[in-house]
Structure formats: structure tokens, C-alpha cells
Amino acid sequence: MYVLHIEHTVPDYQRWRAAGFDSDPLGRKQSGVRRHRVYRRSDAPNHVVIELEFETADASAKMGERLRKMWVGAQERGLINTPSLTSLELADAMDY
């Protein structure tokens, strides 16, 4: 499994959620996303962490490229600040 880990602070979580994430402008499912998780920092609720899971490294890399291009417009509209994007490969997992 491959994961794109995205982290950034948004000016307004509800606005970002509705106009950004929930509108799904890149078509997550069609782009190979198998699962997503959205987290908010408990001490800073406008700071979000998103994990997008993929079956292949190629699908993950392609989505990373598309996200970087999309963020330019989202930053111009004031929906997001500068995100960080990390590409990860799952090495081990255990459910308890």
C-alpha cells in the first residue's frame, strides 16, 4: 500500500471541507484512491492531515502531481496555505 500524507493549516476548516475536499475536484476514486482519512489537530482544528491510500506507487505519484497543480488555484482562492506532501510506502501494520 502507498500513502500520500498531506498536512497544512487552512484558514477556515468548514469552508475548506465544503469547497475543497468534499467537492473532490480530482476524482479520488477514479484516480486510484482506496481509502482516505482526514484528521484535525485537537489543539488547532484548522490544521488538517489527510491520508490517501493507493494500491500502486504509480497511482500515488500521479495523484501527487495533480494535487500540486491544483493547490496553486486553491491557494489563490484562500482555501489553503502551503501544504506539505509526503509519499510513503507501508512497511508494516498490525491491528490490535
PDB file of N, CA and C in Angstrom:
ATOM      1  N   MET A   1       0.839  -1.169   0.000  1.00  0.00           N
ATOM      2  CA  MET A   1       0.000   0.000   0.000  1.00  0.00           C
ATOM      3  C   MET A   1       0.887   1.236   0.000  1.00  0.00           C
ATOM      4  N   TYR A   2       0.426   2.265  -0.680  1.00  0.00           N
ATOM      5  CA  TYR A   2       1.138   3.532  -0.790  1.00  0.00           C
ATOM      6  C   TYR A   2       0.228   4.632  -0.263  1.00  0.00           C
ATOM      7  N   VAL A   3       0.817   5.583   0.434  1.00  0.00           N
ATOM      8  CA  VAL A   3       0.038   6.639   1.084  1.00  0.00           C
ATOM      9  C   VAL A   3       0.621   7.992   0.725  1.00  0.00           C
ATOM     10  N   LEU A   4      -0.249   8.921   0.369  1.00  0.00           N
ATOM     11  CA  LEU A   4       0.129  10.326   0.294  1.00  0.00           C
ATOM     12  C   LEU A   4      -0.317  10.958   1.604  1.00  0.00           C
ATOM     13  N   HIS A   5       0.630  11.523   2.317  1.00  0.00           N
ATOM     14  CA  HIS A   5       0.378  12.187   3.598  1.00  0.00           C
ATOM     15  C   HIS A   5       0.461  13.681   3.333  1.00  0.00           C
ATOM     16  N   ILE A   6      -0.659  14.364   3.549  1.00  0.00           N
ATOM     17  CA  ILE A   6      -0.765  15.796   3.274  1.00  0.00           C
ATOM     18  C   ILE A   6      -1.051  16.501   4.590  1.00  0.00           C
ATOM     19  N   GLU A   7      -0.355  17.598   4.816  1.00  0.00           N
ATOM     20  CA  GLU A   7      -0.554  18.317   6.064  1.00  0.00           C
ATOM     21  C   GLU A   7      -0.476  19.815   5.789  1.00  0.00           C
ATOM     22  N   HIS A   8      -1.471  20.546   6.303  1.00  0.00           N
ATOM     23  CA  HIS A   8      -1.445  22.005   6.175  1.00  0.00           C
ATOM     24  C   HIS A   8      -2.503  22.640   7.066  1.00  0.00           C
ATOM     25  N   THR A   9      -2.358  23.929   7.254  1.00  0.00           N
ATOM     26  CA  THR A   9      -3.330  24.702   8.010  1.00  0.00           C
ATOM     27  C   THR A   9      -4.227  25.424   7.013  1.00  0.00           C
ATOM     28  N   VAL A  10      -5.520  25.354   7.247  1.00  0.00           N
ATOM     29  CA  VAL A  10      -6.487  26.031   6.384  1.00  0.00           C
ATOM     30  C   VAL A  10      -7.062  27.223   7.147  1.00  0.00           C
ATOM     31  N   PRO A  11      -7.412  28.292   6.452  1.00  0.00           N
ATOM     32  CA  PRO A  11      -7.967  29.454   7.137  1.00  0.00           C
ATOM     33  C   PRO A  11      -9.301  29.163   7.840  1.00  0.00           C
ATOM     34  N   ASP A  12     -10.125  28.316   7.236  1.00  0.00           N
ATOM     35  CA  ASP A  12     -11.450  28.012   7.774  1.00  0.00           C
ATOM     36  C   ASP A  12     -11.771  26.562   7.423  1.00  0.00           C
ATOM     37  N   TYR A  13     -11.812  25.684   8.418  1.00  0.00           N
ATOM     38  CA  TYR A  13     -11.991  24.255   8.157  1.00  0.00           C
ATOM     39  C   TYR A  13     -13.295  23.977   7.409  1.00  0.00           C
ATOM     40  N   GLN A  14     -14.409  24.540   7.848  1.00  0.00           N
ATOM     41  CA  GLN A  14     -15.701  24.250   7.209  1.00  0.00           C
ATOM     42  C   GLN A  14     -15.710  24.679   5.749  1.00  0.00           C
ATOM     43  N   ARG A  15     -15.149  25.844   5.464  1.00  0.00           N
ATOM     44  CA  ARG A  15     -15.084  26.329   4.079  1.00  0.00           C
ATOM     45  C   ARG A  15     -14.188  25.422   3.241  1.00  0.00           C
ATOM     46  N   TRP A  16     -13.016  25.067   3.784  1.00  0.00           N
ATOM     47  CA  TRP A  16     -12.109  24.173   3.065  1.00  0.00           C
ATOM     48  C   TRP A  16     -12.779  22.826   2.805  1.00  0.00           C
ATOM     49  N   ARG A  17     -13.456  22.307   3.821  1.00  0.00           N
ATOM     50  CA  ARG A  17     -14.083  20.989   3.701  1.00  0.00           C
ATOM     51  C   ARG A  17     -15.135  20.998   2.590  1.00  0.00           C
ATOM     52  N   ALA A  18     -16.009  21.998   2.608  1.00  0.00           N
ATOM     53  CA  ALA A  18     -17.108  22.050   1.635  1.00  0.00           C
ATOM     54  C   ALA A  18     -16.618  22.404   0.224  1.00  0.00           C
ATOM     55  N   ALA A  19     -15.821  23.459   0.123  1.00  0.00           N
ATOM     56  CA  ALA A  19     -15.412  23.960  -1.197  1.00  0.00           C
ATOM     57  C   ALA A  19     -14.193  23.226  -1.747  1.00  0.00           C
ATOM     58  N   GLY A  20     -13.453  22.564  -0.887  1.00  0.00           N
ATOM     59  CA  GLY A  20     -12.238  21.895  -1.323  1.00  0.00           C
ATOM     60  C   GLY A  20     -12.359  20.387  -1.293  1.00  0.00           C
ATOM     61  N   PHE A  21     -12.209  19.820  -0.119  1.00  0.00           N
ATOM     62  CA  PHE A  21     -12.098  18.368  -0.006  1.00  0.00           C
ATOM     63  C   PHE A  21     -13.360  17.636  -0.446  1.00  0.00           C
ATOM     64  N   ASP A  22     -14.512  18.008   0.071  1.00  0.00           N
ATOM     65  CA  ASP A  22     -15.748  17.271  -0.234  1.00  0.00           C
ATOM     66  C   ASP A  22     -16.184  17.417  -1.689  1.00  0.00           C
ATOM     67  N   SER A  23     -15.777  18.503  -2.351  1.00  0.00           N
ATOM     68  CA  SER A  23     -16.153  18.656  -3.765  1.00  0.00           C
ATOM     69  C   SER A  23     -15.356  17.703  -4.656  1.00  0.00           C
ATOM     70  N   ASP A  24     -14.277  17.123  -4.131  1.00  0.00           N
ATOM     71  CA  ASP A  24     -13.494  16.081  -4.806  1.00  0.00           C
ATOM     72  C   ASP A  24     -13.137  16.468  -6.244  1.00  0.00           C
ATOM     73  N   PRO A  25     -12.453  17.599  -6.422  1.00  0.00           N
ATOM     74  CA  PRO A  25     -12.193  18.094  -7.779  1.00  0.00           C
ATOM     75  C   PRO A  25     -11.310  17.197  -8.638  1.00  0.00           C
ATOM     76  N   LEU A  26     -10.530  16.309  -8.029  1.00  0.00           N
ATOM     77  CA  LEU A  26      -9.649  15.442  -8.811  1.00  0.00           C
ATOM     78  C   LEU A  26     -10.195  14.028  -8.979  1.00  0.00           C
ATOM     79  N   GLY A  27     -11.344  13.745  -8.401  1.00  0.00           N
ATOM     80  CA  GLY A  27     -11.944  12.417  -8.528  1.00  0.00           C
ATOM     81  C   GLY A  27     -11.084  11.356  -7.867  1.00  0.00           C
ATOM     82  N   ARG A  28     -11.099  11.345  -6.545  1.00  0.00           N
ATOM     83  CA  ARG A  28     -10.228  10.426  -5.802  1.00  0.00           C
ATOM     84  C   ARG A  28     -10.415   8.967  -6.219  1.00  0.00           C
ATOM     85  N   LYS A  29     -11.640   8.501  -6.269  1.00  0.00           N
ATOM     86  CA  LYS A  29     -11.880   7.087  -6.594  1.00  0.00           C
ATOM     87  C   LYS A  29     -11.359   6.755  -7.991  1.00  0.00           C
ATOM     88  N   GLN A  30     -11.651   7.604  -8.956  1.00  0.00           N
ATOM     89  CA  GLN A  30     -11.211   7.373 -10.325  1.00  0.00           C
ATOM     90  C   GLN A  30      -9.690   7.467 -10.453  1.00  0.00           C
ATOM     91  N   SER A  31      -9.034   8.137  -9.499  1.00  0.00           N
ATOM     92  CA  SER A  31      -7.578   8.297  -9.513  1.00  0.00           C
ATOM     93  C   SER A  31      -6.856   7.193  -8.752  1.00  0.00           C
ATOM     94  N   GLY A  32      -7.610   6.223  -8.244  1.00  0.00           N
ATOM     95  CA  GLY A  32      -6.987   5.091  -7.580  1.00  0.00           C
ATOM     96  C   GLY A  32      -6.938   5.157  -6.070  1.00  0.00           C
ATOM     97  N   VAL A  33      -7.557   6.163  -5.470  1.00  0.00           N
ATOM     98  CA  VAL A  33      -7.579   6.233  -4.003  1.00  0.00           C
ATOM     99  C   VAL A  33      -8.484   5.116  -3.490  1.00  0.00           C
ATOM    100  N   ARG A  34      -7.959   4.307  -2.585  1.00  0.00           N
ATOM    101  CA  ARG A  34      -8.717   3.196  -1.997  1.00  0.00           C
ATOM    102  C   ARG A  34      -9.360   3.589  -0.676  1.00  0.00           C
ATOM    103  N   ARG A  35      -8.761   4.513   0.030  1.00  0.00           N
ATOM    104  CA  ARG A  35      -9.289   4.980   1.319  1.00  0.00           C
ATOM    105  C   ARG A  35      -8.683   6.354   1.585  1.00  0.00           C
ATOM    106  N   HIS A  36      -9.479   7.200   2.239  1.00  0.00           N
ATOM    107  CA  HIS A  36      -8.907   8.458   2.715  1.00  0.00           C
ATOM    108  C   HIS A  36      -9.235   8.623   4.192  1.00  0.00           C
ATOM    109  N   ARG A  37      -8.401   9.364   4.852  1.00  0.00           N
ATOM    110  CA  ARG A  37      -8.629   9.737   6.244  1.00  0.00           C
ATOM    111  C   ARG A  37      -8.332  11.219   6.366  1.00  0.00           C
ATOM    112  N   VAL A  38      -9.184  11.923   7.096  1.00  0.00           N
ATOM    113  CA  VAL A  38      -8.962  13.335   7.370  1.00  0.00           C
ATOM    114  C   VAL A  38      -8.889  13.495   8.877  1.00  0.00           C
ATOM    115  N   TYR A  39      -7.813  14.107   9.339  1.00  0.00           N
ATOM    116  CA  TYR A  39      -7.614  14.361  10.762  1.00  0.00           C
ATOM    117  C   TYR A  39      -7.554  15.869  10.989  1.00  0.00           C
ATOM    118  N   ARG A  40      -7.933  16.282  12.194  1.00  0.00           N
ATOM    119  CA  ARG A  40      -7.768  17.667  12.640  1.00  0.00           C
ATOM    120  C   ARG A  40      -6.992  17.641  13.943  1.00  0.00           C
ATOM    121  N   ARG A  41      -6.045  18.541  14.070  1.00  0.00           N
ATOM    122  CA  ARG A  41      -5.316  18.608  15.331  1.00  0.00           C
ATOM    123  C   ARG A  41      -6.271  19.044  16.426  1.00  0.00           C
ATOM    124  N   SER A  42      -6.235  18.371  17.557  1.00  0.00           N
ATOM    125  CA  SER A  42      -7.154  18.701  18.651  1.00  0.00           C
ATOM    126  C   SER A  42      -6.838  20.068  19.250  1.00  0.00           C
ATOM    127  N   ASP A  43      -5.597  20.503  19.172  1.00  0.00           N
ATOM    128  CA  ASP A  43      -5.228  21.812  19.718  1.00  0.00           C
ATOM    129  C   ASP A  43      -5.233  22.920  18.669  1.00  0.00           C
ATOM    130  N   ALA A  44      -5.490  22.574  17.411  1.00  0.00           N
ATOM    131  CA  ALA A  44      -5.531  23.548  16.320  1.00  0.00           C
ATOM    132  C   ALA A  44      -6.442  22.988  15.231  1.00  0.00           C
ATOM    133  N   PRO A  45      -7.761  23.130  15.379  1.00  0.00           N
ATOM    134  CA  PRO A  45      -8.708  22.448  14.488  1.00  0.00           C
ATOM    135  C   PRO A  45      -8.670  22.882  13.020  1.00  0.00           C
ATOM    136  N   ASN A  46      -7.971  23.954  12.690  1.00  0.00           N
ATOM    137  CA  ASN A  46      -7.817  24.333  11.286  1.00  0.00           C
ATOM    138  C   ASN A  46      -6.570  23.713  10.661  1.00  0.00           C
ATOM    139  N   HIS A  47      -5.839  22.939  11.445  1.00  0.00           N
ATOM    140  CA  HIS A  47      -4.681  22.213  10.920  1.00  0.00           C
ATOM    141  C   HIS A  47      -5.151  20.805  10.565  1.00  0.00           C
ATOM    142  N   VAL A  48      -5.057  20.471   9.281  1.00  0.00           N
ATOM    143  CA  VAL A  48      -5.572  19.185   8.819  1.00  0.00           C
ATOM    144  C   VAL A  48      -4.454  18.286   8.318  1.00  0.00           C
ATOM    145  N   VAL A  49      -4.682  16.995   8.490  1.00  0.00           N
ATOM    146  CA  VAL A  49      -3.803  15.956   7.969  1.00  0.00           C
ATOM    147  C   VAL A  49      -4.693  15.015   7.167  1.00  0.00           C
ATOM    148  N   ILE A  50      -4.297  14.763   5.942  1.00  0.00           N
ATOM    149  CA  ILE A  50      -5.066  13.890   5.063  1.00  0.00           C
ATOM    150  C   ILE A  50      -4.173  12.737   4.641  1.00  0.00           C
ATOM    151  N   GLU A  51      -4.707  11.540   4.665  1.00  0.00           N
ATOM    152  CA  GLU A  51      -4.004  10.371   4.139  1.00  0.00           C
ATOM    153  C   GLU A  51      -4.834   9.785   3.013  1.00  0.00           C
ATOM    154  N   LEU A  52      -4.212   9.630   1.868  1.00  0.00           N
ATOM    155  CA  LEU A  52      -4.835   8.993   0.717  1.00  0.00           C
ATOM    156  C   LEU A  52      -4.095   7.687   0.459  1.00  0.00           C
ATOM    157  N   GLU A  53      -4.811   6.570   0.446  1.00  0.00           N
ATOM    158  CA  GLU A  53      -4.194   5.254   0.252  1.00  0.00           C
ATOM    159  C   GLU A  53      -4.396   4.767  -1.183  1.00  0.00           C
ATOM    160  N   PHE A  54      -3.340   4.147  -1.731  1.00  0.00           N
ATOM    161  CA  PHE A  54      -3.330   3.634  -3.105  1.00  0.00           C
ATOM    162  C   PHE A  54      -2.789   2.218  -3.126  1.00  0.00           C
ATOM    163  N   GLU A  55      -3.142   1.473  -4.159  1.00  0.00           N
ATOM    164  CA  GLU A  55      -2.601   0.130  -4.372  1.00  0.00           C
ATOM    165  C   GLU A  55      -1.221   0.184  -5.018  1.00  0.00           C
ATOM    166  N   THR A  56      -0.973   1.204  -5.857  1.00  0.00           N
ATOM    167  CA  THR A  56       0.283   1.248  -6.604  1.00  0.00           C
ATOM    168  C   THR A  56       1.036   2.557  -6.371  1.00  0.00           C
ATOM    169  N   ALA A  57       2.350   2.467  -6.509  1.00  0.00           N
ATOM    170  CA  ALA A  57       3.197   3.658  -6.398  1.00  0.00           C
ATOM    171  C   ALA A  57       2.903   4.625  -7.539  1.00  0.00           C
ATOM    172  N   ASP A  58       2.609   4.106  -8.715  1.00  0.00           N
ATOM    173  CA  ASP A  58       2.326   4.943  -9.875  1.00  0.00           C
ATOM    174  C   ASP A  58       1.082   5.801  -9.659  1.00  0.00           C
ATOM    175  N   ALA A  59       0.009   5.187  -9.161  1.00  0.00           N
ATOM    176  CA  ALA A  59      -1.224   5.943  -8.899  1.00  0.00           C
ATOM    177  C   ALA A  59      -0.968   7.022  -7.854  1.00  0.00           C
ATOM    178  N   SER A  60      -0.192   6.698  -6.832  1.00  0.00           N
ATOM    179  CA  SER A  60       0.146   7.661  -5.788  1.00  0.00           C
ATOM    180  C   SER A  60       0.931   8.835  -6.370  1.00  0.00           C
ATOM    181  N   ALA A  61       1.926   8.536  -7.189  1.00  0.00           N
ATOM    182  CA  ALA A  61       2.759   9.580  -7.791  1.00  0.00           C
ATOM    183  C   ALA A  61       1.947  10.491  -8.705  1.00  0.00           C
ATOM    184  N   LYS A  62       1.067   9.905  -9.505  1.00  0.00           N
ATOM    185  CA  LYS A  62       0.233  10.702 -10.414  1.00  0.00           C
ATOM    186  C   LYS A  62      -0.686  11.638  -9.628  1.00  0.00           C
ATOM    187  N   MET A  63      -1.277  11.128  -8.544  1.00  0.00           N
ATOM    188  CA  MET A  63      -2.146  11.976  -7.735  1.00  0.00           C
ATOM    189  C   MET A  63      -1.332  13.090  -7.077  1.00  0.00           C
ATOM    190  N   GLY A  64      -0.133  12.791  -6.619  1.00  0.00           N
ATOM    191  CA  GLY A  64       0.724  13.820  -6.039  1.00  0.00           C
ATOM    192  C   GLY A  64       0.980  14.960  -7.006  1.00  0.00           C
ATOM    193  N   GLU A  65       1.259  14.629  -8.261  1.00  0.00           N
ATOM    194  CA  GLU A  65       1.474  15.646  -9.297  1.00  0.00           C
ATOM    195  C   GLU A  65       0.218  16.491  -9.511  1.00  0.00           C
ATOM    196  N   ARG A  66      -0.916  15.833  -9.576  1.00  0.00           N
ATOM    197  CA  ARG A  66      -2.184  16.545  -9.798  1.00  0.00           C
ATOM    198  C   ARG A  66      -2.523  17.446  -8.615  1.00  0.00           C
ATOM    199  N   LEU A  67      -2.257  16.964  -7.401  1.00  0.00           N
ATOM    200  CA  LEU A  67      -2.515  17.781  -6.208  1.00  0.00           C
ATOM    201  C   LEU A  67      -1.674  19.052  -6.218  1.00  0.00           C
ATOM    202  N   ARG A  68      -0.400  18.921  -6.525  1.00  0.00           N
ATOM    203  CA  ARG A  68       0.482  20.099  -6.544  1.00  0.00           C
ATOM    204  C   ARG A  68      -0.031  21.152  -7.515  1.00  0.00           C
ATOM    205  N   LYS A  69      -0.501  20.730  -8.676  1.00  0.00           N
ATOM    206  CA  LYS A  69      -1.050  21.671  -9.658  1.00  0.00           C
ATOM    207  C   LYS A  69      -2.333  22.315  -9.145  1.00  0.00           C
ATOM    208  N   MET A  70      -3.194  21.519  -8.513  1.00  0.00           N
ATOM    209  CA  MET A  70      -4.462  22.035  -8.016  1.00  0.00           C
ATOM    210  C   MET A  70      -4.254  23.044  -6.886  1.00  0.00           C
ATOM    211  N   TRP A  71      -3.256  22.807  -6.048  1.00  0.00           N
ATOM    212  CA  TRP A  71      -3.039  23.673  -4.893  1.00  0.00           C
ATOM    213  C   TRP A  71      -2.741  25.119  -5.267  1.00  0.00           C
ATOM    214  N   VAL A  72      -2.187  25.339  -6.438  1.00  0.00           N
ATOM    215  CA  VAL A  72      -1.910  26.706  -6.867  1.00  0.00           C
ATOM    216  C   VAL A  72      -3.206  27.514  -6.874  1.00  0.00           C
ATOM    217  N   GLY A  73      -4.252  26.982  -7.491  1.00  0.00           N
ATOM    218  CA  GLY A  73      -5.543  27.677  -7.536  1.00  0.00           C
ATOM    219  C   GLY A  73      -6.205  27.770  -6.171  1.00  0.00           C
ATOM    220  N   ALA A  74      -6.102  26.718  -5.372  1.00  0.00           N
ATOM    221  CA  ALA A  74      -6.708  26.724  -4.035  1.00  0.00           C
ATOM    222  C   ALA A  74      -6.040  27.764  -3.145  1.00  0.00           C
ATOM    223  N   GLN A  75      -4.737  27.931  -3.289  1.00  0.00           N
ATOM    224  CA  GLN A  75      -4.040  28.956  -2.516  1.00  0.00           C
ATOM    225  C   GLN A  75      -4.481  30.347  -2.961  1.00  0.00           C
ATOM    226  N   GLU A  76      -4.638  30.535  -4.261  1.00  0.00           N
ATOM    227  CA  GLU A  76      -5.080  31.833  -4.784  1.00  0.00           C
ATOM    228  C   GLU A  76      -6.481  32.186  -4.295  1.00  0.00           C
ATOM    229  N   ARG A  77      -7.350  31.175  -4.101  1.00  0.00           N
ATOM    230  CA  ARG A  77      -8.713  31.413  -3.612  1.00  0.00           C
ATOM    231  C   ARG A  77      -8.777  31.502  -2.091  1.00  0.00           C
ATOM    232  N   GLY A  78      -7.669  31.310  -1.403  1.00  0.00           N
ATOM    233  CA  GLY A  78      -7.629  31.419   0.046  1.00  0.00           C
ATOM    234  C   GLY A  78      -8.162  30.207   0.784  1.00  0.00           C
ATOM    235  N   LEU A  79      -8.275  29.062   0.111  1.00  0.00           N
ATOM    236  CA  LEU A  79      -8.787  27.858   0.764  1.00  0.00           C
ATOM    237  C   LEU A  79      -7.730  27.156   1.598  1.00  0.00           C
ATOM    238  N   ILE A  80      -6.470  27.266   1.195  1.00  0.00           N
ATOM    239  CA  ILE A  80      -5.395  26.559   1.887  1.00  0.00           C
ATOM    240  C   ILE A  80      -4.156  27.427   1.976  1.00  0.00           C
ATOM    241  N   ASN A  81      -3.290  27.086   2.915  1.00  0.00           N
ATOM    242  CA  ASN A  81      -1.944  27.638   2.966  1.00  0.00           C
ATOM    243  C   ASN A  81      -1.040  26.654   2.236  1.00  0.00           C
ATOM    244  N   THR A  82       0.248  26.749   2.396  1.00  0.00           N
ATOM    245  CA  THR A  82       1.168  25.871   1.685  1.00  0.00           C
ATOM    246  C   THR A  82       1.168  24.469   2.293  1.00  0.00           C
ATOM    247  N   PRO A  83       0.678  23.466   1.569  1.00  0.00           N
ATOM    248  CA  PRO A  83       0.648  22.101   2.094  1.00  0.00           C
ATOM    249  C   PRO A  83       2.017  21.420   1.989  1.00  0.00           C
ATOM    250  N   SER A  84       2.215  20.447   2.860  1.00  0.00           N
ATOM    251  CA  SER A  84       3.364  19.552   2.690  1.00  0.00           C
ATOM    252  C   SER A  84       2.811  18.213   2.210  1.00  0.00           C
ATOM    253  N   LEU A  85       3.549  17.566   1.334  1.00  0.00           N
ATOM    254  CA  LEU A  85       3.126  16.298   0.751  1.00  0.00           C
ATOM    255  C   LEU A  85       4.267  15.305   0.892  1.00  0.00           C
ATOM    256  N   THR A  86       3.981  14.172   1.511  1.00  0.00           N
ATOM    257  CA  THR A  86       4.969  13.122   1.683  1.00  0.00           C
ATOM    258  C   THR A  86       4.404  11.835   1.095  1.00  0.00           C
ATOM    259  N   SER A  87       5.208  11.157   0.298  1.00  0.00           N
ATOM    260  CA  SER A  87       4.812   9.883  -0.277  1.00  0.00           C
ATOM    261  C   SER A  87       5.418   8.769   0.564  1.00  0.00           C
ATOM    262  N   LEU A  88       4.582   7.812   0.982  1.00  0.00           N
ATOM    263  CA  LEU A  88       5.016   6.735   1.878  1.00  0.00           C
ATOM    264  C   LEU A  88       4.638   5.382   1.305  1.00  0.00           C
ATOM    265  N   GLU A  89       5.446   4.388   1.606  1.00  0.00           N
ATOM    266  CA  GLU A  89       5.111   3.003   1.299  1.00  0.00           C
ATOM    267  C   GLU A  89       4.940   2.282   2.634  1.00  0.00           C
ATOM    268  N   LEU A  90       3.811   1.602   2.814  1.00  0.00           N
ATOM    269  CA  LEU A  90       3.559   0.874   4.052  1.00  0.00           C
ATOM    270  C   LEU A  90       4.548  -0.267   4.179  1.00  0.00           C
ATOM    271  N   ALA A  91       5.286  -0.297   5.285  1.00  0.00           N
ATOM    272  CA  ALA A  91       6.264  -1.347   5.538  1.00  0.00           C
ATOM    273  C   ALA A  91       5.741  -2.400   6.498  1.00  0.00           C
ATOM    274  N   ASP A  92       4.822  -2.009   7.386  1.00  0.00           N
ATOM    275  CA  ASP A  92       4.309  -2.945   8.380  1.00  0.00           C
ATOM    276  C   ASP A  92       3.037  -2.363   8.974  1.00  0.00           C
ATOM    277  N   ALA A  93       2.106  -3.219   9.341  1.00  0.00           N
ATOM    278  CA  ALA A  93       0.876  -2.796  10.013  1.00  0.00           C
ATOM    279  C   ALA A  93       0.376  -3.931  10.877  1.00  0.00           C
ATOM    280  N   MET A  94      -0.252  -3.601  11.979  1.00  0.00           N
ATOM    281  CA  MET A  94      -0.815  -4.602  12.888  1.00  0.00           C
ATOM    282  C   MET A  94      -2.076  -4.001  13.506  1.00  0.00           C
ATOM    283  N   ASP A  95      -3.156  -4.706  13.405  1.00  0.00           N
ATOM    284  CA  ASP A  95      -4.385  -4.286  14.072  1.00  0.00           C
ATOM    285  C   ASP A  95      -4.435  -4.909  15.459  1.00  0.00           C
ATOM    286  N   TYR A  96      -4.829  -4.120  16.446  1.00  0.00           N
ATOM    287  CA  TYR A  96      -4.939  -4.617  17.831  1.00  0.00           C
ATOM    288  C   TYR A  96      -6.364  -4.465  18.307  1.00  0.00           C
TER     289      TYR A  96
END
